[in-house]
Amino acid sequence: MIILKYTKHIIICSLISGIVLLACSHQPKQLGKNTSTDISIRNDSITKLFDPKLAAKKASKLDTFFKKLHKVNGFNGAVLVSQYGKVIYKNAFGYASFSKKDSNTTQTQFQLASVSKQFTAVAIMQLHEKGLINYDDPVYKYIPNFPYDPSITIKSLLSHSSGIPNYVYCLDKIINKKVALTNNQVVDLFARHKPGINYYPNSRFNYNNSNYALLAYIVEKLSGMNFREYAKRNLFAPAGMSKSFVYDPAKPELVSSAAVGYTPRRRGFWQVPFDHLDGVVGDKGIYSTVEDLYKWDMALNSEKLVKMSTLNEAFLPAHSFKNLLTKNYGFGWRLQLLDDGTWLTFHTGWWHGFKNYYMHNNRDNSSIIILQNVSNRALARVKVAQSILYPEKAWYFMSGEGLPGELEIE
């Protein structure tokens, strides 16, 4: 393996070229009102940047990397990588069910875990565009029996700064674990028992599933339909996501062909069972495929779901706390500050044996979608995939590590 040794001069040149590249090529034009024509022109201009030969080289390196990740690190799942709006690599590895020995495919449905949160956020954005909700509205406006501080707003929930406790833990001793918990019950139990708040509202960032469970409840109240139906009609259908659904404990047949979640054990794998918490949605619960998520990615880029101006607001850092200067959170998306001052937009997910990563880069219509049904540490190597997609920034993603063989100079 050839180890790339960067001198200060090379690093400075790479930094400058990376900034110029993003500014001149990847960064979309300011489009004023963001009409459908403007978006089409923008996307067409980005598509013209696609180079089949370069894409083939990246695909070859990605294939080498993921095959090694499967063999050495136990990666078990599916992956899809796109750039400039086109798929450059997709593949699947291992089993959807170890007991049935059926292989994963790019059409296998995986529990998205917390990657589901961005769908809930987009649902709120849709209601916002319709004038049914404002981000600065207090939560009690939509949940009259909300027992916490009136300074907690919709934005507080979207950005994980509400201070309310996590229902997964604070309700553990007062719920009936023999039946599926629901979003309605979470709201009701909060109102009746008022578990202690974690910190003064809007004073810090603290990732918390309760925030998005409440947002899904609010979507139901404002839309007049349950969240599962809302997602089907207003999120999945417009994006063309025919294989996606929100888990429903009352309809176990929905997951009959989906991947099963596993946790590694010394002598194999332990199948993680469904439990009472799986009835709550909004914070998790969506099942999808890497190919459906690519459709979602493209729908976000083409205003099929919300306006680009609305979406861009969700990609802005919601917090100005000192400890969040390089890592932040928007509305349903995690943010990482890059060397050129832009924010990488992504989210991870981990639930009941499923472990996922989804990067959405709307500056060049690119994505990295990795869904796994074995919760091991394989996804810790996602920075290699990032480096293959953006080789000019490999030194940044790898954080000073020796670059792996997939990134050798040809």
Protein backbone atom coordinates (compact mmCIF):
# COMPACT_ATOMS: atom_id res chain seq x y z
CA MET A 1 0.00 0.00 0.00
CA ILE A 2 1.35 3.42 -0.90
CA ILE A 3 1.05 5.82 2.03
CA LEU A 4 0.39 9.40 0.95
CA LYS A 5 2.55 11.85 2.89
CA TYR A 6 1.15 15.35 2.74
CA THR A 7 3.52 18.27 3.11
CA LYS A 8 2.29 21.64 4.31
CA HIS A 9 2.47 22.89 0.75
CA ILE A 10 0.30 20.06 -0.59
CA ILE A 11 -2.23 20.46 2.21
CA ILE A 12 -2.53 24.19 1.54
CA CYS A 13 -2.91 23.54 -2.19
CA SER A 14 -5.50 20.84 -1.55
CA LEU A 15 -7.42 23.16 0.74
CA ILE A 16 -7.41 25.97 -1.80
CA SER A 17 -8.35 23.70 -4.69
CA GLY A 18 -11.10 22.09 -2.62
CA ILE A 19 -12.59 25.48 -1.79
CA VAL A 20 -12.39 26.61 -5.40
CA LEU A 21 -13.90 23.36 -6.61
CA LEU A 22 -16.87 23.60 -4.26
CA ALA A 23 -17.35 27.30 -4.90
CA CYS A 24 -17.18 27.02 -8.69
CA SER A 25 -18.61 23.61 -9.41
CA HIS A 26 -20.50 22.07 -6.52
CA GLN A 27 -22.17 25.08 -4.99
CA PRO A 28 -25.54 25.73 -6.65
CA LYS A 29 -26.45 29.19 -7.85
CA GLN A 30 -28.60 31.43 -5.74
CA LEU A 31 -31.95 30.85 -7.36
CA GLY A 32 -34.21 33.49 -5.96
CA LYS A 33 -37.67 31.99 -5.66
CA ASN A 34 -36.51 28.43 -6.36
CA THR A 35 -39.10 27.69 -9.03
CA SER A 36 -39.30 24.20 -10.52
CA THR A 37 -37.55 25.54 -13.63
CA ASP A 38 -34.70 26.95 -11.53
CA ILE A 39 -34.28 23.61 -9.76
CA SER A 40 -34.28 21.71 -13.05
CA ILE A 41 -31.60 24.02 -14.44
CA ARG A 42 -29.57 23.60 -11.26
CA ASN A 43 -29.82 19.81 -11.32
CA ASP A 44 -29.05 19.63 -15.04
CA SER A 45 -25.91 21.70 -14.53
CA ILE A 46 -24.80 19.41 -11.71
CA THR A 47 -25.48 16.29 -13.80
CA LYS A 48 -23.16 17.63 -16.51
CA LEU A 49 -20.29 17.33 -14.01
CA PHE A 50 -20.68 13.55 -14.07
CA ASP A 51 -17.66 11.80 -15.61
CA PRO A 52 -18.36 8.11 -16.41
CA LYS A 53 -14.67 7.16 -16.40
CA LEU A 54 -13.99 8.81 -13.06
CA ALA A 55 -17.20 7.33 -11.63
CA ALA A 56 -16.08 3.85 -12.76
CA LYS A 57 -12.75 4.28 -10.96
CA LYS A 58 -14.51 5.35 -7.77
CA ALA A 59 -16.94 2.44 -8.09
CA SER A 60 -14.05 -0.01 -8.37
CA LYS A 61 -12.44 1.41 -5.23
CA LEU A 62 -15.75 1.36 -3.37
CA ASP A 63 -16.29 -2.25 -4.36
CA THR A 64 -12.83 -3.22 -3.09
CA PHE A 65 -13.44 -1.37 0.16
CA PHE A 66 -16.88 -2.80 0.92
CA LYS A 67 -15.87 -6.34 0.03
CA LYS A 68 -12.98 -5.99 2.47
CA LEU A 69 -15.30 -4.40 5.03
CA HIS A 70 -17.58 -7.43 4.73
CA LYS A 71 -14.77 -9.98 4.97
CA VAL A 72 -12.64 -8.35 7.66
CA ASN A 73 -15.03 -6.16 9.67
CA GLY A 74 -18.25 -8.15 9.34
CA PHE A 75 -20.22 -5.59 7.35
CA ASN A 76 -23.65 -7.12 6.72
CA GLY A 77 -26.06 -4.98 4.77
CA ALA A 78 -26.51 -2.88 1.63
CA VAL A 79 -24.85 0.23 0.25
CA LEU A 80 -25.52 2.81 -2.46
CA VAL A 81 -23.30 5.74 -3.40
CA SER A 82 -24.28 8.48 -5.82
CA GLN A 83 -22.60 11.58 -7.19
CA TYR A 84 -23.89 14.40 -9.39
CA GLY A 85 -27.33 12.79 -9.20
CA LYS A 86 -26.26 9.41 -10.60
CA VAL A 87 -25.67 6.09 -8.87
CA ILE A 88 -22.01 5.13 -9.13
CA TYR A 89 -22.04 2.08 -6.87
CA LYS A 90 -24.52 -0.22 -5.17
CA ASN A 91 -24.15 -3.66 -3.66
CA ALA A 92 -25.31 -5.88 -0.80
CA PHE A 93 -23.50 -8.24 1.53
CA GLY A 94 -24.37 -11.01 3.96
CA TYR A 95 -27.77 -12.21 5.07
CA ALA A 96 -31.07 -10.48 5.69
CA SER A 97 -31.86 -13.41 7.99
CA PHE A 98 -29.18 -15.75 9.28
CA SER A 99 -31.73 -18.42 10.11
CA LYS A 100 -33.24 -18.42 6.60
CA LYS A 101 -29.90 -17.80 4.87
CA ASP A 102 -31.51 -15.33 2.47
CA SER A 103 -29.06 -12.81 1.10
CA ASN A 104 -29.31 -9.06 1.46
CA THR A 105 -30.02 -7.15 -1.76
CA THR A 106 -30.31 -3.48 -2.64
CA GLN A 107 -34.09 -4.02 -2.37
CA THR A 108 -33.93 -5.42 1.17
CA GLN A 109 -35.85 -3.35 3.70
CA PHE A 110 -33.95 -2.22 6.78
CA GLN A 111 -35.14 -0.45 9.91
CA LEU A 112 -33.73 3.07 9.50
CA ALA A 113 -33.62 3.76 13.25
CA SER A 114 -32.77 7.45 13.80
CA VAL A 115 -32.32 8.10 10.08
CA SER A 116 -36.14 8.19 10.34
CA LYS A 117 -35.93 11.56 12.11
CA GLN A 118 -35.34 13.51 8.90
CA PHE A 119 -38.65 12.19 7.52
CA THR A 120 -40.44 13.55 10.57
CA ALA A 121 -38.62 16.85 10.14
CA VAL A 122 -39.69 17.07 6.49
CA ALA A 123 -43.29 16.37 7.52
CA ILE A 124 -43.11 19.37 9.89
CA MET A 125 -41.57 21.45 7.08
CA GLN A 126 -44.46 20.52 4.79
CA LEU A 127 -46.95 21.68 7.41
CA HIS A 128 -44.88 24.82 7.88
CA GLU A 129 -45.06 25.60 4.15
CA LYS A 130 -48.85 25.18 4.33
CA GLY A 131 -49.00 27.75 7.13
CA LEU A 132 -50.23 25.21 9.68
CA ILE A 133 -47.26 25.49 12.04
CA ASN A 134 -44.42 27.87 12.84
CA TYR A 135 -41.05 26.79 14.22
CA ASP A 136 -41.26 29.36 17.01
CA ASP A 137 -44.69 28.22 18.18
CA PRO A 138 -44.75 26.82 21.74
CA VAL A 139 -45.37 23.09 21.91
CA TYR A 140 -48.39 23.56 24.20
CA LYS A 141 -50.19 25.25 21.27
CA TYR A 142 -50.48 21.82 19.65
CA ILE A 143 -50.37 19.68 22.80
CA PRO A 144 -52.59 21.56 25.30
CA ASN A 145 -51.72 19.22 28.18
CA PHE A 146 -47.98 19.58 27.57
CA PRO A 147 -46.64 19.83 31.13
CA TYR A 148 -43.34 21.59 30.53
CA ASP A 149 -41.99 25.13 30.17
CA PRO A 150 -43.84 27.30 27.59
CA SER A 151 -40.47 28.39 26.16
CA ILE A 152 -40.15 24.95 24.56
CA THR A 153 -40.98 25.45 20.89
CA ILE A 154 -41.29 23.34 17.75
CA LYS A 155 -37.73 24.41 16.93
CA SER A 156 -36.63 23.18 20.37
CA LEU A 157 -37.94 19.73 19.44
CA LEU A 158 -36.49 19.77 15.92
CA SER A 159 -33.03 20.76 17.16
CA HIS A 160 -32.94 18.62 20.35
CA SER A 161 -32.77 21.50 22.80
CA SER A 162 -36.08 21.06 24.65
CA GLY A 163 -34.72 19.59 27.86
CA ILE A 164 -37.63 17.14 28.16
CA PRO A 165 -36.66 13.63 29.33
CA ASN A 166 -36.23 10.62 27.05
CA TYR A 167 -39.41 8.52 27.12
CA VAL A 168 -37.34 5.36 26.60
CA TYR A 169 -35.97 5.73 30.13
CA CYS A 170 -38.22 8.04 32.11
CA LEU A 171 -41.39 6.02 31.44
CA ASP A 172 -39.74 2.64 31.83
CA LYS A 173 -41.24 1.85 35.26
CA ILE A 174 -44.77 3.08 34.59
CA ILE A 175 -45.65 1.51 31.24
CA ASN A 176 -47.10 -1.88 30.39
CA LYS A 177 -44.29 -3.60 28.51
CA LYS A 178 -46.56 -6.39 27.33
CA VAL A 179 -48.27 -4.14 24.78
CA ALA A 180 -46.87 -1.72 22.23
CA LEU A 181 -46.45 1.84 23.43
CA THR A 182 -47.88 4.57 21.16
CA ASN A 183 -47.12 8.23 20.57
CA ASN A 184 -50.49 9.14 22.09
CA GLN A 185 -49.58 7.25 25.25
CA VAL A 186 -46.20 8.97 25.47
CA VAL A 187 -47.94 12.36 25.37
CA ASP A 188 -50.55 11.24 27.90
CA LEU A 189 -48.00 9.75 30.30
CA PHE A 190 -45.88 12.88 30.14
CA ALA A 191 -48.95 14.96 31.02
CA ARG A 192 -50.02 12.73 33.91
CA HIS A 193 -46.66 11.91 35.47
CA LYS A 194 -44.53 14.89 34.36
CA PRO A 195 -41.10 13.22 34.57
CA GLY A 196 -38.41 15.66 35.64
CA ILE A 197 -36.87 17.86 32.98
CA ASN A 198 -33.20 17.26 32.13
CA TYR A 199 -32.00 20.87 31.82
CA TYR A 200 -33.30 24.39 31.36
CA PRO A 201 -35.01 24.54 27.94
CA ASN A 202 -32.99 25.88 25.01
CA SER A 203 -29.79 26.06 27.05
CA ARG A 204 -27.97 23.15 25.41
CA PHE A 205 -28.07 20.44 22.76
CA ASN A 206 -29.04 16.98 23.99
CA TYR A 207 -30.04 14.34 21.45
CA ASN A 208 -33.34 12.89 22.63
CA ASN A 209 -35.90 10.55 21.02
CA SER A 210 -38.81 12.20 22.86
CA ASN A 211 -38.49 15.30 20.70
CA TYR A 212 -39.29 13.46 17.49
CA ALA A 213 -41.95 11.25 19.03
CA LEU A 214 -43.79 14.46 19.99
CA LEU A 215 -43.25 15.94 16.51
CA ALA A 216 -44.83 12.86 14.92
CA TYR A 217 -47.79 13.27 17.30
CA ILE A 218 -48.13 16.91 16.22
CA VAL A 219 -48.08 15.86 12.55
CA GLU A 220 -51.00 13.55 13.30
CA LYS A 221 -53.00 16.29 15.02
CA LEU A 222 -52.48 18.85 12.27
CA SER A 223 -52.94 16.47 9.32
CA GLY A 224 -55.86 14.49 10.72
CA MET A 225 -54.25 11.16 9.88
CA ASN A 226 -51.94 8.83 11.75
CA PHE A 227 -48.24 9.28 11.12
CA ARG A 228 -47.92 6.00 9.22
CA GLU A 229 -50.55 7.08 6.71
CA TYR A 230 -49.15 10.60 6.48
CA ALA A 231 -45.69 9.25 5.65
CA LYS A 232 -47.12 6.93 3.01
CA ARG A 233 -49.09 9.67 1.26
CA ASN A 234 -46.89 12.73 1.69
CA LEU A 235 -43.33 11.42 2.02
CA PHE A 236 -42.94 8.02 0.36
CA ALA A 237 -45.40 8.41 -2.55
CA PRO A 238 -44.10 11.77 -3.86
CA ALA A 239 -40.55 10.41 -3.76
CA GLY A 240 -41.50 7.14 -5.47
CA MET A 241 -40.47 5.04 -2.46
CA SER A 242 -42.64 1.99 -3.13
CA LYS A 243 -40.73 -0.33 -0.76
CA SER A 244 -40.83 1.92 2.30
CA PHE A 245 -43.21 1.90 5.25
CA VAL A 246 -43.49 2.81 8.93
CA TYR A 247 -43.47 -0.17 11.27
CA ASP A 248 -46.85 -1.10 12.76
CA PRO A 249 -47.02 -3.69 15.59
CA ALA A 250 -50.57 -4.50 14.46
CA LYS A 251 -49.33 -5.49 10.99
CA PRO A 252 -46.40 -7.88 11.47
CA GLU A 253 -46.76 -9.04 7.86
CA LEU A 254 -45.12 -5.78 6.77
CA VAL A 255 -41.74 -7.00 8.02
CA SER A 256 -42.09 -10.59 6.82
CA SER A 257 -39.60 -10.00 4.01
CA ALA A 258 -37.52 -7.30 5.73
CA ALA A 259 -34.06 -7.74 7.18
CA VAL A 260 -33.78 -8.98 10.76
CA GLY A 261 -31.66 -7.05 13.25
CA TYR A 262 -28.77 -8.80 15.00
CA THR A 263 -26.20 -8.14 17.70
CA PRO A 264 -22.86 -9.98 17.43
CA ARG A 265 -22.18 -12.61 20.09
CA ARG A 266 -19.09 -14.68 20.75
CA ARG A 267 -20.64 -17.74 19.10
CA GLY A 268 -22.57 -16.01 16.35
CA PHE A 269 -25.42 -13.53 16.29
CA TRP A 270 -28.36 -12.82 18.55
CA GLN A 271 -31.62 -11.82 16.88
CA VAL A 272 -32.94 -8.68 18.55
CA PRO A 273 -36.71 -9.03 19.11
CA PHE A 274 -39.34 -6.34 18.71
CA ASP A 275 -40.54 -4.84 21.99
CA HIS A 276 -43.04 -2.33 23.38
CA LEU A 277 -40.94 0.64 22.26
CA ASP A 278 -41.34 -0.24 18.59
CA GLY A 279 -44.89 1.13 18.65
CA VAL A 280 -43.59 4.71 18.97
CA VAL A 281 -42.66 6.30 15.65
CA GLY A 282 -41.19 9.55 14.41
CA ASP A 283 -37.93 9.06 16.23
CA LYS A 284 -37.45 5.70 14.45
CA GLY A 285 -39.67 3.05 12.84
CA ILE A 286 -39.27 3.63 9.10
CA TYR A 287 -38.24 0.65 6.99
CA SER A 288 -36.63 1.36 3.64
CA THR A 289 -34.08 0.17 1.09
CA VAL A 290 -30.89 1.80 -0.19
CA GLU A 291 -32.58 2.25 -3.57
CA ASP A 292 -35.63 3.90 -2.02
CA LEU A 293 -33.38 6.18 0.02
CA TYR A 294 -31.66 7.22 -3.19
CA LYS A 295 -35.11 8.19 -4.51
CA TRP A 296 -35.64 10.15 -1.30
CA ASP A 297 -32.29 11.85 -1.80
CA MET A 298 -33.21 12.90 -5.34
CA ALA A 299 -36.67 14.03 -4.21
CA LEU A 300 -35.04 16.34 -1.67
CA ASN A 301 -32.91 17.81 -4.47
CA SER A 302 -35.85 18.42 -6.79
CA GLU A 303 -38.45 20.04 -4.50
CA LYS A 304 -40.84 17.07 -4.72
CA LEU A 305 -41.23 17.26 -0.94
CA VAL A 306 -40.45 20.80 0.20
CA LYS A 307 -38.96 23.90 -1.36
CA MET A 308 -35.19 24.11 -1.48
CA SER A 309 -35.28 27.29 0.60
CA THR A 310 -37.20 25.43 3.32
CA LEU A 311 -34.78 22.50 3.20
CA ASN A 312 -31.72 24.74 3.31
CA GLU A 313 -32.98 26.22 6.56
CA ALA A 314 -32.99 22.71 8.02
CA PHE A 315 -29.34 22.30 6.98
CA LEU A 316 -28.21 25.34 9.00
CA PRO A 317 -26.66 24.86 12.46
CA ALA A 318 -29.42 25.38 15.00
CA HIS A 319 -27.04 25.93 17.89
CA SER A 320 -24.35 28.47 18.77
CA PHE A 321 -23.04 26.69 21.87
CA LYS A 322 -19.24 26.67 22.18
CA ASN A 323 -19.02 22.88 22.20
CA LEU A 324 -20.82 22.67 18.86
CA LEU A 325 -18.47 24.69 16.68
CA THR A 326 -17.46 21.78 14.43
CA LYS A 327 -20.39 19.42 15.02
CA ASN A 328 -23.94 20.68 15.11
CA TYR A 329 -27.55 19.75 14.39
CA GLY A 330 -30.17 21.20 12.06
CA PHE A 331 -33.74 19.95 11.70
CA GLY A 332 -33.45 16.16 11.56
CA TRP A 333 -29.89 16.19 10.23
CA ARG A 334 -26.50 16.08 11.92
CA LEU A 335 -23.91 18.55 10.66
CA GLN A 336 -20.12 18.35 10.47
CA LEU A 337 -18.03 21.42 9.64
CA LEU A 338 -15.68 20.86 6.71
CA ASP A 339 -12.35 22.57 6.11
CA ASP A 340 -13.87 24.99 3.59
CA GLY A 341 -16.50 26.27 6.02
CA THR A 342 -19.41 24.30 4.59
CA TRP A 343 -21.43 21.75 6.55
CA LEU A 344 -21.58 18.05 5.73
CA THR A 345 -25.17 16.88 6.17
CA PHE A 346 -25.79 13.33 7.42
CA HIS A 347 -27.45 11.15 10.03
CA THR A 348 -26.74 7.88 11.74
CA GLY A 349 -29.12 5.31 13.21
CA TRP A 350 -28.86 2.47 15.68
CA TRP A 351 -31.82 0.41 16.87
CA HIS A 352 -32.49 -3.26 17.61
CA GLY A 353 -29.52 -4.59 15.67
CA PHE A 354 -29.72 -2.12 12.78
CA LYS A 355 -26.92 0.40 12.28
CA ASN A 356 -27.04 2.95 9.47
CA TYR A 357 -25.35 5.94 7.89
CA TYR A 358 -26.82 8.35 5.34
CA MET A 359 -24.93 11.34 3.94
CA HIS A 360 -26.90 13.84 1.84
CA ASN A 361 -24.85 16.46 -0.01
CA ASN A 362 -27.16 18.79 -1.91
CA ARG A 363 -24.25 20.93 -3.13
CA ASP A 364 -23.39 18.30 -5.74
CA ASN A 365 -26.41 15.95 -5.47
CA SER A 366 -24.34 13.17 -3.92
CA SER A 367 -25.06 10.60 -1.24
CA ILE A 368 -23.61 7.72 0.74
CA ILE A 369 -26.30 5.32 1.96
CA ILE A 370 -25.26 2.39 4.16
CA LEU A 371 -27.81 0.18 5.90
CA GLN A 372 -26.68 -2.69 8.12
CA ASN A 373 -28.63 -5.31 10.07
CA VAL A 374 -25.74 -6.34 12.33
CA SER A 375 -24.82 -3.72 14.92
CA ASN A 376 -21.04 -4.08 14.85
CA ARG A 377 -18.33 -1.46 14.37
CA ALA A 378 -18.01 -1.76 10.59
CA LEU A 379 -19.52 1.69 9.99
CA ALA A 380 -16.66 3.28 11.89
CA ARG A 381 -14.82 2.98 8.55
CA VAL A 382 -17.31 5.16 6.68
CA LYS A 383 -14.62 7.85 6.37
CA VAL A 384 -12.90 5.66 3.79
CA ALA A 385 -16.03 5.72 1.63
CA GLN A 386 -16.16 9.51 2.05
CA SER A 387 -12.52 9.73 0.96
CA ILE A 388 -13.14 7.64 -2.14
CA LEU A 389 -16.07 9.84 -3.13
CA TYR A 390 -14.10 13.03 -2.45
CA PRO A 391 -10.40 12.11 -2.89
CA GLU A 392 -9.36 15.77 -2.74
CA LYS A 393 -10.54 15.75 0.88
CA ALA A 394 -9.19 12.34 1.88
CA TRP A 395 -6.58 13.94 4.13
CA TYR A 396 -9.39 15.68 6.01
CA PHE A 397 -11.74 12.71 6.40
CA MET A 398 -8.95 10.36 7.46
CA SER A 399 -7.78 12.84 10.13
CA GLY A 400 -4.07 12.14 9.70
CA GLU A 401 -4.39 8.34 9.42
CA GLY A 402 -2.43 6.47 6.80
CA LEU A 403 -4.62 6.23 3.74
CA PRO A 404 -5.80 2.71 2.89
CA GLY A 405 -5.01 0.86 -0.32
CA GLU A 406 -8.23 1.92 -1.97
CA LEU A 407 -6.84 5.45 -2.11
CA GLU A 408 -3.45 4.68 -3.67
CA ILE A 409 -2.23 6.91 -6.45
CA GLU A 410 -2.72 5.21 -9.80
